[in-house]
Amino acid sequence: MSESDAPEPDAPAGGAETEAELFGEWSVDDIEYQDPSTKRYLEVTPVAHTMGRHASKQFRKSEISVVERLINRLMQDGSNTGKKQQATRIVREAFRRVHDRTDENPVQVLVRAVEHAAPREETVRLKYGGISVPKAVDVAPQRRVDQALLFLAEGARRASFKSPTDAAEALASQLVGAAEGDVQTYAVSQKEEKERVAAAAR
């Protein structure tokens, strides 16, 4: 074999694409962000399981994919506790249903849902001479993302608990509704409630 016939060392075997895709189906390129404050904390990668590498430092959780963070939220409570493979299957199936409903990249839908479900204000309790007084404060961008993921997971859990609706369908409904800003969605309604209470405490 001559040197000209030899395959290039950097060429992928079998003509495979070099770009990795989430779950082997969804591209994570060209994701659009509407909220500049949370963009830094909405990491999107094709990796859905980092084996806890972010746990060594407090704020490194924002360096892992928002999809994995949603998976972790789903398995933190109820019958899915610690069952990451099951939670991953739920998210994968929910993404397929989101794509069937919206004909959009479900990763983009998730990012938009998090942005719409992230509260901008909340209340804290301050004590003045033994009296506890609520005070409205701005929410840090990282906590906004944390709260949005919590609301999405809670909404899916509530909709599927003791219900004929399965978890994947419940999560898909939460994602689509939150992405559209539907106040009937649990995640968006919780965000609106937090901001309403904070507005009353100003």
N, C-alpha and C. Protein backbone atom coordinates (compact mmCIF):
# COMPACT_ATOMS: atom_id res chain seq x y z
N MET A 1 0.85 -1.19 0.00
CA MET A 1 0.00 0.00 0.00
C MET A 1 0.88 1.24 0.00
N SER A 2 0.60 2.15 -0.90
CA SER A 2 1.39 3.37 -0.98
C SER A 2 0.94 4.35 0.09
N GLU A 3 1.75 5.38 0.32
CA GLU A 3 1.42 6.37 1.34
C GLU A 3 0.15 7.13 0.97
N SER A 4 -0.08 7.30 -0.35
CA SER A 4 -1.27 8.04 -0.78
C SER A 4 -2.55 7.26 -0.52
N ASP A 5 -2.44 5.89 -0.46
CA ASP A 5 -3.63 5.07 -0.22
C ASP A 5 -3.95 4.88 1.25
N ALA A 6 -3.00 5.22 2.11
CA ALA A 6 -3.20 5.02 3.56
C ALA A 6 -4.25 5.99 4.08
N PRO A 7 -5.13 5.56 5.00
CA PRO A 7 -6.14 6.47 5.56
C PRO A 7 -5.51 7.53 6.42
N GLU A 8 -6.14 8.68 6.43
CA GLU A 8 -5.63 9.77 7.27
C GLU A 8 -5.82 9.42 8.74
N PRO A 9 -4.83 9.71 9.60
CA PRO A 9 -4.93 9.31 11.01
C PRO A 9 -6.06 9.99 11.76
N ASP A 10 -6.45 11.21 11.32
CA ASP A 10 -7.48 11.96 12.04
C ASP A 10 -8.88 11.68 11.51
N ALA A 11 -8.99 10.90 10.43
CA ALA A 11 -10.30 10.65 9.86
C ALA A 11 -11.07 9.66 10.73
N PRO A 12 -12.36 9.91 11.03
CA PRO A 12 -13.14 8.98 11.85
C PRO A 12 -13.38 7.68 11.11
N ALA A 13 -13.36 6.57 11.85
CA ALA A 13 -13.53 5.25 11.24
C ALA A 13 -14.94 5.09 10.71
N GLY A 14 -15.04 4.47 9.52
CA GLY A 14 -16.37 4.18 8.95
C GLY A 14 -17.14 5.39 8.54
N GLY A 15 -16.46 6.54 8.38
CA GLY A 15 -17.16 7.74 7.96
C GLY A 15 -18.08 8.30 9.02
N ALA A 16 -17.86 8.00 10.31
CA ALA A 16 -18.72 8.48 11.39
C ALA A 16 -18.57 9.98 11.55
N GLU A 17 -19.62 10.63 12.02
CA GLU A 17 -19.56 12.06 12.25
C GLU A 17 -18.73 12.35 13.49
N THR A 18 -18.06 13.49 13.45
CA THR A 18 -17.20 13.85 14.57
C THR A 18 -18.00 14.53 15.68
N GLU A 19 -19.16 15.11 15.35
CA GLU A 19 -19.94 15.80 16.36
C GLU A 19 -20.75 14.79 17.17
N ALA A 20 -20.57 14.80 18.49
CA ALA A 20 -21.34 13.90 19.36
C ALA A 20 -22.73 14.49 19.56
N GLU A 21 -23.70 13.63 19.77
CA GLU A 21 -25.07 14.05 19.98
C GLU A 21 -25.60 13.49 21.29
N LEU A 22 -26.44 14.25 21.95
CA LEU A 22 -27.04 13.81 23.21
C LEU A 22 -27.95 12.62 22.96
N PHE A 23 -27.75 11.53 23.68
CA PHE A 23 -28.51 10.29 23.51
C PHE A 23 -28.39 9.74 22.09
N GLY A 24 -27.37 10.20 21.34
CA GLY A 24 -27.20 9.74 19.97
C GLY A 24 -28.24 10.28 19.01
N GLU A 25 -29.05 11.25 19.45
CA GLU A 25 -30.15 11.75 18.61
C GLU A 25 -30.17 13.26 18.46
N TRP A 26 -29.80 14.00 19.53
CA TRP A 26 -30.07 15.43 19.54
C TRP A 26 -28.77 16.24 19.52
N SER A 27 -28.69 17.17 18.60
CA SER A 27 -27.52 18.04 18.51
C SER A 27 -27.55 19.06 19.65
N VAL A 28 -26.38 19.38 20.16
CA VAL A 28 -26.29 20.40 21.21
C VAL A 28 -25.61 21.67 20.68
N ASP A 29 -25.49 21.75 19.36
CA ASP A 29 -24.92 22.94 18.73
C ASP A 29 -26.04 23.95 18.43
N ASP A 30 -25.66 25.20 18.33
CA ASP A 30 -26.57 26.28 17.92
C ASP A 30 -27.77 26.41 18.85
N ILE A 31 -27.57 26.19 20.15
CA ILE A 31 -28.64 26.42 21.12
C ILE A 31 -28.75 27.92 21.37
N GLU A 32 -29.96 28.45 21.32
CA GLU A 32 -30.18 29.88 21.51
C GLU A 32 -30.60 30.16 22.96
N TYR A 33 -30.09 31.27 23.49
CA TYR A 33 -30.39 31.68 24.87
C TYR A 33 -31.08 33.03 24.83
N GLN A 34 -32.21 33.13 25.52
CA GLN A 34 -32.94 34.39 25.58
C GLN A 34 -32.58 35.21 26.81
N ASP A 35 -32.14 34.54 27.88
CA ASP A 35 -31.84 35.21 29.15
C ASP A 35 -30.33 35.25 29.34
N PRO A 36 -29.69 36.42 29.18
CA PRO A 36 -28.23 36.48 29.32
C PRO A 36 -27.73 36.18 30.73
N SER A 37 -28.58 36.37 31.75
CA SER A 37 -28.12 36.15 33.12
C SER A 37 -27.92 34.68 33.44
N THR A 38 -28.73 33.80 32.84
CA THR A 38 -28.62 32.37 33.14
C THR A 38 -27.81 31.61 32.09
N LYS A 39 -27.41 32.27 31.01
CA LYS A 39 -26.69 31.58 29.93
C LYS A 39 -25.43 30.89 30.45
N ARG A 40 -24.70 31.56 31.34
CA ARG A 40 -23.45 31.00 31.87
C ARG A 40 -23.69 29.71 32.65
N TYR A 41 -24.86 29.56 33.22
CA TYR A 41 -25.14 28.41 34.08
C TYR A 41 -25.97 27.33 33.39
N LEU A 42 -26.24 27.51 32.10
CA LEU A 42 -26.97 26.51 31.32
C LEU A 42 -26.01 25.82 30.38
N GLU A 43 -25.15 25.00 30.93
CA GLU A 43 -24.18 24.25 30.13
C GLU A 43 -24.91 23.14 29.37
N VAL A 44 -24.62 23.04 28.09
CA VAL A 44 -25.23 22.02 27.25
C VAL A 44 -24.12 21.20 26.60
N THR A 45 -24.06 19.92 26.94
CA THR A 45 -23.06 19.01 26.38
C THR A 45 -23.74 17.72 25.96
N PRO A 46 -23.09 16.92 25.11
CA PRO A 46 -23.68 15.63 24.72
C PRO A 46 -23.52 14.54 25.77
N VAL A 47 -22.93 14.86 26.93
CA VAL A 47 -22.70 13.87 27.98
C VAL A 47 -23.83 13.93 28.99
N ALA A 48 -24.49 12.80 29.23
CA ALA A 48 -25.61 12.77 30.16
C ALA A 48 -25.25 12.12 31.50
N HIS A 49 -24.00 11.72 31.66
CA HIS A 49 -23.60 11.09 32.93
C HIS A 49 -22.10 11.33 33.14
N THR A 50 -21.76 12.19 34.10
CA THR A 50 -20.36 12.52 34.38
C THR A 50 -19.83 11.78 35.60
N MET A 51 -20.64 10.90 36.20
CA MET A 51 -20.22 10.09 37.34
C MET A 51 -19.79 10.93 38.53
N GLY A 52 -20.46 12.05 38.75
CA GLY A 52 -20.24 12.86 39.95
C GLY A 52 -18.94 13.63 39.99
N ARG A 53 -18.35 13.89 38.84
CA ARG A 53 -17.06 14.60 38.85
C ARG A 53 -17.18 16.03 39.33
N HIS A 54 -18.39 16.59 39.28
CA HIS A 54 -18.58 17.97 39.71
C HIS A 54 -18.71 18.10 41.22
N ALA A 55 -18.78 16.99 41.96
CA ALA A 55 -19.11 17.04 43.37
C ALA A 55 -17.96 17.51 44.26
N SER A 56 -16.76 17.65 43.70
CA SER A 56 -15.61 17.99 44.54
C SER A 56 -15.64 19.45 44.99
N LYS A 57 -16.30 20.32 44.23
CA LYS A 57 -16.37 21.72 44.60
C LYS A 57 -17.81 22.19 44.54
N GLN A 58 -18.12 23.20 45.34
CA GLN A 58 -19.51 23.59 45.54
C GLN A 58 -20.19 24.08 44.27
N PHE A 59 -19.50 24.91 43.48
CA PHE A 59 -20.17 25.56 42.36
C PHE A 59 -19.84 24.92 41.02
N ARG A 60 -19.20 23.76 41.01
CA ARG A 60 -18.87 23.11 39.75
C ARG A 60 -20.06 22.41 39.12
N LYS A 61 -21.19 22.38 39.80
CA LYS A 61 -22.37 21.75 39.22
C LYS A 61 -22.81 22.48 37.95
N SER A 62 -22.48 23.77 37.84
CA SER A 62 -22.86 24.52 36.65
C SER A 62 -22.01 24.17 35.45
N GLU A 63 -20.98 23.36 35.64
CA GLU A 63 -20.12 22.97 34.53
C GLU A 63 -20.61 21.69 33.85
N ILE A 64 -21.60 21.02 34.42
CA ILE A 64 -22.12 19.81 33.78
C ILE A 64 -23.39 20.16 33.01
N SER A 65 -23.80 19.26 32.16
CA SER A 65 -24.93 19.52 31.27
C SER A 65 -26.22 19.75 32.06
N VAL A 66 -27.01 20.69 31.59
CA VAL A 66 -28.30 20.95 32.23
C VAL A 66 -29.21 19.74 32.11
N VAL A 67 -28.98 18.90 31.09
CA VAL A 67 -29.78 17.68 30.94
C VAL A 67 -29.46 16.71 32.07
N GLU A 68 -28.18 16.56 32.40
CA GLU A 68 -27.82 15.68 33.51
C GLU A 68 -28.33 16.24 34.84
N ARG A 69 -28.33 17.54 34.98
CA ARG A 69 -28.84 18.13 36.22
C ARG A 69 -30.34 17.86 36.36
N LEU A 70 -31.07 17.88 35.24
CA LEU A 70 -32.49 17.53 35.28
C LEU A 70 -32.66 16.06 35.67
N ILE A 71 -31.82 15.19 35.11
CA ILE A 71 -31.87 13.77 35.46
C ILE A 71 -31.62 13.59 36.95
N ASN A 72 -30.63 14.29 37.48
CA ASN A 72 -30.31 14.19 38.91
C ASN A 72 -31.47 14.66 39.78
N ARG A 73 -32.17 15.71 39.33
CA ARG A 73 -33.32 16.21 40.08
C ARG A 73 -34.44 15.17 40.11
N LEU A 74 -34.63 14.49 39.00
CA LEU A 74 -35.71 13.50 38.93
C LEU A 74 -35.49 12.33 39.89
N MET A 75 -34.23 12.01 40.16
CA MET A 75 -33.97 10.83 40.99
C MET A 75 -33.67 11.20 42.44
N GLN A 76 -33.98 12.42 42.85
CA GLN A 76 -33.67 12.85 44.21
C GLN A 76 -34.81 12.61 45.19
N ASP A 77 -35.96 12.21 44.70
CA ASP A 77 -37.11 12.07 45.61
C ASP A 77 -38.04 10.99 45.06
N GLY A 78 -38.82 10.42 45.94
CA GLY A 78 -39.81 9.45 45.54
C GLY A 78 -39.22 8.10 45.18
N SER A 79 -39.93 7.36 44.34
CA SER A 79 -39.52 6.00 44.00
C SER A 79 -38.31 5.94 43.08
N ASN A 80 -37.90 7.08 42.51
CA ASN A 80 -36.74 7.09 41.62
C ASN A 80 -35.43 7.39 42.34
N THR A 81 -35.44 7.45 43.66
CA THR A 81 -34.26 7.82 44.42
C THR A 81 -33.06 6.93 44.08
N GLY A 82 -32.01 7.56 43.56
CA GLY A 82 -30.77 6.85 43.25
C GLY A 82 -30.80 6.04 41.97
N LYS A 83 -31.92 6.02 41.26
CA LYS A 83 -32.04 5.20 40.04
C LYS A 83 -31.74 6.06 38.82
N LYS A 84 -30.46 6.25 38.56
CA LYS A 84 -30.09 7.17 37.49
C LYS A 84 -30.42 6.62 36.11
N GLN A 85 -30.24 5.33 35.90
CA GLN A 85 -30.56 4.77 34.58
C GLN A 85 -32.05 4.92 34.28
N GLN A 86 -32.89 4.71 35.29
CA GLN A 86 -34.32 4.86 35.09
C GLN A 86 -34.66 6.32 34.80
N ALA A 87 -34.06 7.25 35.56
CA ALA A 87 -34.32 8.67 35.33
C ALA A 87 -33.83 9.09 33.95
N THR A 88 -32.70 8.53 33.51
CA THR A 88 -32.17 8.84 32.18
C THR A 88 -33.13 8.35 31.09
N ARG A 89 -33.69 7.17 31.27
CA ARG A 89 -34.66 6.65 30.30
C ARG A 89 -35.90 7.54 30.23
N ILE A 90 -36.34 8.04 31.39
CA ILE A 90 -37.51 8.93 31.43
C ILE A 90 -37.23 10.19 30.63
N VAL A 91 -36.05 10.80 30.84
CA VAL A 91 -35.71 12.03 30.13
C VAL A 91 -35.56 11.77 28.64
N ARG A 92 -34.93 10.65 28.27
CA ARG A 92 -34.76 10.33 26.85
C ARG A 92 -36.12 10.19 26.16
N GLU A 93 -37.04 9.46 26.79
CA GLU A 93 -38.37 9.28 26.20
C GLU A 93 -39.15 10.59 26.19
N ALA A 94 -38.99 11.41 27.24
CA ALA A 94 -39.67 12.71 27.28
C ALA A 94 -39.17 13.60 26.15
N PHE A 95 -37.86 13.55 25.87
CA PHE A 95 -37.31 14.35 24.77
C PHE A 95 -37.91 13.92 23.44
N ARG A 96 -38.08 12.62 23.24
CA ARG A 96 -38.68 12.15 21.97
C ARG A 96 -40.11 12.67 21.83
N ARG A 97 -40.85 12.67 22.92
CA ARG A 97 -42.24 13.15 22.86
C ARG A 97 -42.28 14.66 22.66
N VAL A 98 -41.34 15.38 23.26
CA VAL A 98 -41.27 16.83 23.02
C VAL A 98 -41.00 17.10 21.55
N HIS A 99 -40.08 16.34 20.96
CA HIS A 99 -39.78 16.52 19.53
C HIS A 99 -40.99 16.21 18.67
N ASP A 100 -41.74 15.16 19.02
CA ASP A 100 -42.94 14.80 18.25
C ASP A 100 -43.99 15.90 18.33
N ARG A 101 -44.09 16.56 19.49
CA ARG A 101 -45.12 17.59 19.66
C ARG A 101 -44.74 18.91 19.00
N THR A 102 -43.49 19.30 19.15
CA THR A 102 -43.07 20.65 18.74
C THR A 102 -42.25 20.68 17.46
N ASP A 103 -41.72 19.51 17.05
CA ASP A 103 -40.83 19.43 15.89
C ASP A 103 -39.59 20.31 16.09
N GLU A 104 -39.19 20.47 17.35
CA GLU A 104 -38.00 21.25 17.70
C GLU A 104 -36.99 20.34 18.39
N ASN A 105 -35.75 20.84 18.47
CA ASN A 105 -34.73 20.15 19.25
C ASN A 105 -35.14 20.19 20.72
N PRO A 106 -35.35 19.06 21.39
CA PRO A 106 -35.80 19.08 22.78
C PRO A 106 -34.80 19.73 23.74
N VAL A 107 -33.52 19.76 23.38
CA VAL A 107 -32.54 20.45 24.22
C VAL A 107 -32.83 21.94 24.22
N GLN A 108 -33.18 22.48 23.06
CA GLN A 108 -33.56 23.89 22.98
C GLN A 108 -34.83 24.16 23.79
N VAL A 109 -35.78 23.23 23.73
CA VAL A 109 -37.02 23.38 24.50
C VAL A 109 -36.72 23.38 26.00
N LEU A 110 -35.80 22.51 26.44
CA LEU A 110 -35.42 22.47 27.85
C LEU A 110 -34.80 23.78 28.30
N VAL A 111 -33.89 24.32 27.50
CA VAL A 111 -33.24 25.59 27.85
C VAL A 111 -34.28 26.70 27.97
N ARG A 112 -35.22 26.75 27.03
CA ARG A 112 -36.25 27.78 27.08
C ARG A 112 -37.17 27.57 28.28
N ALA A 113 -37.46 26.31 28.62
CA ALA A 113 -38.31 26.02 29.78
C ALA A 113 -37.64 26.47 31.07
N VAL A 114 -36.34 26.22 31.19
CA VAL A 114 -35.61 26.66 32.39
C VAL A 114 -35.62 28.18 32.50
N GLU A 115 -35.42 28.86 31.39
CA GLU A 115 -35.42 30.33 31.42
C GLU A 115 -36.78 30.87 31.84
N HIS A 116 -37.87 30.25 31.39
CA HIS A 116 -39.21 30.74 31.74
C HIS A 116 -39.64 30.34 33.14
N ALA A 117 -39.03 29.29 33.70
CA ALA A 117 -39.43 28.82 35.03
C ALA A 117 -38.50 29.31 36.13
N ALA A 118 -37.52 30.14 35.79
CA ALA A 118 -36.54 30.60 36.77
C ALA A 118 -37.04 31.88 37.46
N PRO A 119 -37.29 31.85 38.76
CA PRO A 119 -37.79 33.05 39.46
C PRO A 119 -36.73 34.14 39.55
N ARG A 120 -37.17 35.39 39.42
CA ARG A 120 -36.24 36.52 39.49
C ARG A 120 -36.18 37.14 40.87
N GLU A 121 -37.24 36.92 41.66
CA GLU A 121 -37.28 37.44 43.03
C GLU A 121 -37.83 36.38 43.96
N GLU A 122 -37.39 36.43 45.21
CA GLU A 122 -37.96 35.59 46.25
C GLU A 122 -37.85 36.32 47.57
N THR A 123 -38.34 35.71 48.65
CA THR A 123 -38.32 36.37 49.95
C THR A 123 -37.40 35.65 50.90
N VAL A 124 -36.80 36.43 51.80
CA VAL A 124 -36.03 35.88 52.91
C VAL A 124 -36.63 36.44 54.20
N ARG A 125 -36.32 35.78 55.32
CA ARG A 125 -36.86 36.24 56.61
C ARG A 125 -35.76 36.96 57.37
N LEU A 126 -36.02 38.20 57.72
CA LEU A 126 -35.08 38.99 58.52
C LEU A 126 -35.69 39.22 59.90
N LYS A 127 -34.83 39.22 60.90
CA LYS A 127 -35.31 39.43 62.27
C LYS A 127 -34.89 40.81 62.75
N TYR A 128 -35.87 41.55 63.24
CA TYR A 128 -35.63 42.87 63.82
C TYR A 128 -36.17 42.86 65.24
N GLY A 129 -35.27 42.74 66.21
CA GLY A 129 -35.69 42.76 67.61
C GLY A 129 -36.65 41.65 67.97
N GLY A 130 -36.42 40.48 67.41
CA GLY A 130 -37.27 39.35 67.72
C GLY A 130 -38.47 39.21 66.80
N ILE A 131 -38.67 40.17 65.89
CA ILE A 131 -39.79 40.11 64.95
C ILE A 131 -39.26 39.67 63.60
N SER A 132 -39.87 38.64 63.01
CA SER A 132 -39.46 38.13 61.71
C SER A 132 -40.23 38.87 60.61
N VAL A 133 -39.47 39.46 59.68
CA VAL A 133 -40.07 40.27 58.62
C VAL A 133 -39.64 39.73 57.27
N PRO A 134 -40.58 39.47 56.35
CA PRO A 134 -40.19 39.02 55.01
C PRO A 134 -39.59 40.16 54.20
N LYS A 135 -38.57 39.86 53.42
CA LYS A 135 -37.89 40.87 52.62
C LYS A 135 -37.66 40.32 51.22
N ALA A 136 -38.02 41.08 50.21
CA ALA A 136 -37.82 40.65 48.82
C ALA A 136 -36.37 40.84 48.42
N VAL A 137 -35.80 39.83 47.77
CA VAL A 137 -34.41 39.90 47.30
C VAL A 137 -34.35 39.35 45.88
N ASP A 138 -33.35 39.80 45.13
CA ASP A 138 -33.11 39.25 43.80
C ASP A 138 -32.50 37.86 43.94
N VAL A 139 -32.79 36.99 42.98
CA VAL A 139 -32.29 35.62 43.00
C VAL A 139 -31.03 35.55 42.15
N ALA A 140 -29.98 34.94 42.69
CA ALA A 140 -28.74 34.77 41.94
C ALA A 140 -28.98 33.88 40.72
N PRO A 141 -28.28 34.13 39.61
CA PRO A 141 -28.52 33.35 38.38
C PRO A 141 -28.38 31.84 38.57
N GLN A 142 -27.39 31.41 39.34
CA GLN A 142 -27.22 29.98 39.54
C GLN A 142 -28.39 29.40 40.32
N ARG A 143 -28.88 30.10 41.31
CA ARG A 143 -30.04 29.63 42.07
C ARG A 143 -31.29 29.66 41.19
N ARG A 144 -31.39 30.60 40.28
CA ARG A 144 -32.54 30.63 39.36
C ARG A 144 -32.62 29.33 38.57
N VAL A 145 -31.47 28.87 38.05
CA VAL A 145 -31.44 27.63 37.29
C VAL A 145 -31.78 26.45 38.20
N ASP A 146 -31.21 26.44 39.41
CA ASP A 146 -31.50 25.37 40.37
C ASP A 146 -33.00 25.28 40.66
N GLN A 147 -33.62 26.44 40.91
CA GLN A 147 -35.04 26.47 41.23
C GLN A 147 -35.90 26.01 40.04
N ALA A 148 -35.53 26.44 38.84
CA ALA A 148 -36.29 26.04 37.65
C ALA A 148 -36.25 24.53 37.45
N LEU A 149 -35.07 23.92 37.61
CA LEU A 149 -34.96 22.47 37.46
C LEU A 149 -35.76 21.75 38.54
N LEU A 150 -35.75 22.29 39.75
CA LEU A 150 -36.54 21.72 40.84
C LEU A 150 -38.03 21.76 40.51
N PHE A 151 -38.51 22.90 40.02
CA PHE A 151 -39.93 23.04 39.69
C PHE A 151 -40.33 22.08 38.56
N LEU A 152 -39.47 21.93 37.54
CA LEU A 152 -39.79 21.03 36.43
C LEU A 152 -39.88 19.58 36.91
N ALA A 153 -38.92 19.18 37.76
CA ALA A 153 -38.93 17.81 38.27
C ALA A 153 -40.12 17.58 39.20
N GLU A 154 -40.41 18.55 40.05
CA GLU A 154 -41.56 18.43 40.96
C GLU A 154 -42.87 18.35 40.19
N GLY A 155 -42.98 19.17 39.15
CA GLY A 155 -44.20 19.15 38.35
C GLY A 155 -44.42 17.81 37.67
N ALA A 156 -43.35 17.22 37.13
CA ALA A 156 -43.45 15.91 36.50
C ALA A 156 -43.81 14.85 37.53
N ARG A 157 -43.23 14.93 38.72
CA ARG A 157 -43.50 13.94 39.76
C ARG A 157 -44.95 14.03 40.23
N ARG A 158 -45.44 15.25 40.44
CA ARG A 158 -46.82 15.42 40.91
C ARG A 158 -47.83 14.95 39.87
N ALA A 159 -47.53 15.21 38.59
CA ALA A 159 -48.47 14.84 37.53
C ALA A 159 -48.53 13.34 37.29
N SER A 160 -47.45 12.62 37.64
CA SER A 160 -47.42 11.18 37.36
C SER A 160 -47.66 10.32 38.60
N PHE A 161 -47.65 10.92 39.80
CA PHE A 161 -47.82 10.15 41.02
C PHE A 161 -49.28 9.71 41.17
N LYS A 162 -49.47 8.39 41.31
CA LYS A 162 -50.82 7.82 41.44
C LYS A 162 -51.74 8.32 40.33
N SER A 163 -51.20 8.29 39.10
CA SER A 163 -51.93 8.81 37.95
C SER A 163 -51.69 7.90 36.76
N PRO A 164 -52.64 7.81 35.83
CA PRO A 164 -52.38 7.02 34.61
C PRO A 164 -51.33 7.63 33.70
N THR A 165 -50.98 8.91 33.94
CA THR A 165 -49.95 9.57 33.14
C THR A 165 -48.58 9.06 33.54
N ASP A 166 -47.80 8.56 32.59
CA ASP A 166 -46.47 8.07 32.95
C ASP A 166 -45.51 9.23 33.11
N ALA A 167 -44.35 8.96 33.71
CA ALA A 167 -43.39 10.01 34.06
C ALA A 167 -42.86 10.74 32.83
N ALA A 168 -42.59 10.01 31.74
CA ALA A 168 -42.06 10.64 30.53
C ALA A 168 -43.08 11.61 29.94
N GLU A 169 -44.34 11.22 29.92
CA GLU A 169 -45.39 12.10 29.39
C GLU A 169 -45.56 13.33 30.27
N ALA A 170 -45.50 13.13 31.59
CA ALA A 170 -45.63 14.25 32.52
C ALA A 170 -44.49 15.24 32.35
N LEU A 171 -43.27 14.71 32.20
CA LEU A 171 -42.11 15.59 32.02
C LEU A 171 -42.19 16.32 30.68
N ALA A 172 -42.59 15.62 29.64
CA ALA A 172 -42.72 16.26 28.33
C ALA A 172 -43.73 17.40 28.38
N SER A 173 -44.84 17.20 29.08
CA SER A 173 -45.86 18.25 29.20
C SER A 173 -45.31 19.44 29.97
N GLN A 174 -44.53 19.18 31.02
CA GLN A 174 -43.92 20.26 31.78
C GLN A 174 -42.95 21.07 30.92
N LEU A 175 -42.13 20.38 30.15
CA LEU A 175 -41.14 21.07 29.32
C LEU A 175 -41.80 21.92 28.25
N VAL A 176 -42.77 21.34 27.56
CA VAL A 176 -43.45 22.08 26.49
C VAL A 176 -44.21 23.28 27.06
N GLY A 177 -44.94 23.06 28.17
CA GLY A 177 -45.71 24.14 28.77
C GLY A 177 -44.82 25.26 29.29
N ALA A 178 -43.74 24.89 29.98
CA ALA A 178 -42.83 25.91 30.52
C ALA A 178 -42.12 26.66 29.40
N ALA A 179 -41.76 25.96 28.33
CA ALA A 179 -41.10 26.62 27.20
C ALA A 179 -42.00 27.66 26.56
N GLU A 180 -43.31 27.43 26.61
CA GLU A 180 -44.27 28.38 26.05
C GLU A 180 -44.70 29.43 27.07
N GLY A 181 -44.21 29.32 28.31
CA GLY A 181 -44.59 30.27 29.35
C GLY A 181 -46.01 30.10 29.85
N ASP A 182 -46.56 28.90 29.75
CA ASP A 182 -47.93 28.62 30.16
C ASP A 182 -48.03 28.63 31.69
N VAL A 183 -48.84 29.53 32.24
CA VAL A 183 -48.95 29.65 33.69
C VAL A 183 -49.70 28.47 34.31
N GLN A 184 -50.36 27.65 33.49
CA GLN A 184 -51.00 26.45 34.01
C GLN A 184 -49.99 25.36 34.31
N THR A 185 -48.79 25.50 33.78
CA THR A 185 -47.72 24.54 34.07
C THR A 185 -47.22 24.74 35.48
N TYR A 186 -46.95 23.64 36.19
CA TYR A 186 -46.54 23.72 37.59
C TYR A 186 -45.30 24.59 37.75
N ALA A 187 -44.29 24.39 36.90
CA ALA A 187 -43.02 25.12 37.05
C ALA A 187 -43.23 26.63 36.92
N VAL A 188 -44.00 27.04 35.91
CA VAL A 188 -44.22 28.48 35.70
C VAL A 188 -45.11 29.05 36.80
N SER A 189 -46.10 28.27 37.24
CA SER A 189 -46.98 28.76 38.30
C SER A 189 -46.21 28.96 39.61
N GLN A 190 -45.26 28.08 39.90
CA GLN A 190 -44.44 28.24 41.11
C GLN A 190 -43.56 29.48 41.01
N LYS A 191 -43.01 29.71 39.84
CA LYS A 191 -42.21 30.91 39.63
C LYS A 191 -43.04 32.17 39.84
N GLU A 192 -44.25 32.18 39.25
CA GLU A 192 -45.14 33.34 39.40
C GLU A 192 -45.54 33.56 40.85
N GLU A 193 -45.77 32.46 41.58
CA GLU A 193 -46.14 32.58 42.99
C GLU A 193 -45.00 33.16 43.82
N LYS A 194 -43.78 32.70 43.57
CA LYS A 194 -42.63 33.24 44.30
C LYS A 194 -42.47 34.74 44.03
N GLU A 195 -42.61 35.13 42.79
CA GLU A 195 -42.45 36.54 42.45
C GLU A 195 -43.59 37.39 42.99
N ARG A 196 -44.81 36.81 43.06
CA ARG A 196 -45.94 37.54 43.63
C ARG A 196 -45.75 37.79 45.12
N VAL A 197 -45.28 36.78 45.84
CA VAL A 197 -45.02 36.93 47.28
C VAL A 197 -43.90 37.95 47.50
N ALA A 198 -42.88 37.91 46.64
CA ALA A 198 -41.77 38.85 46.79
C ALA A 198 -42.22 40.28 46.51
N ALA A 199 -43.10 40.46 45.52
CA ALA A 199 -43.60 41.80 45.21
C ALA A 199 -44.39 42.37 46.39
N ALA A 200 -45.11 41.51 47.11
CA ALA A 200 -45.88 41.97 48.26
C ALA A 200 -44.99 42.31 49.44
N ALA A 201 -43.75 41.81 49.45
CA ALA A 201 -42.84 42.02 50.58
C ALA A 201 -41.84 43.16 50.32
N ARG A 202 -41.99 43.85 49.24
CA ARG A 202 -41.05 44.94 48.95
C ARG A 202 -41.20 46.09 49.91
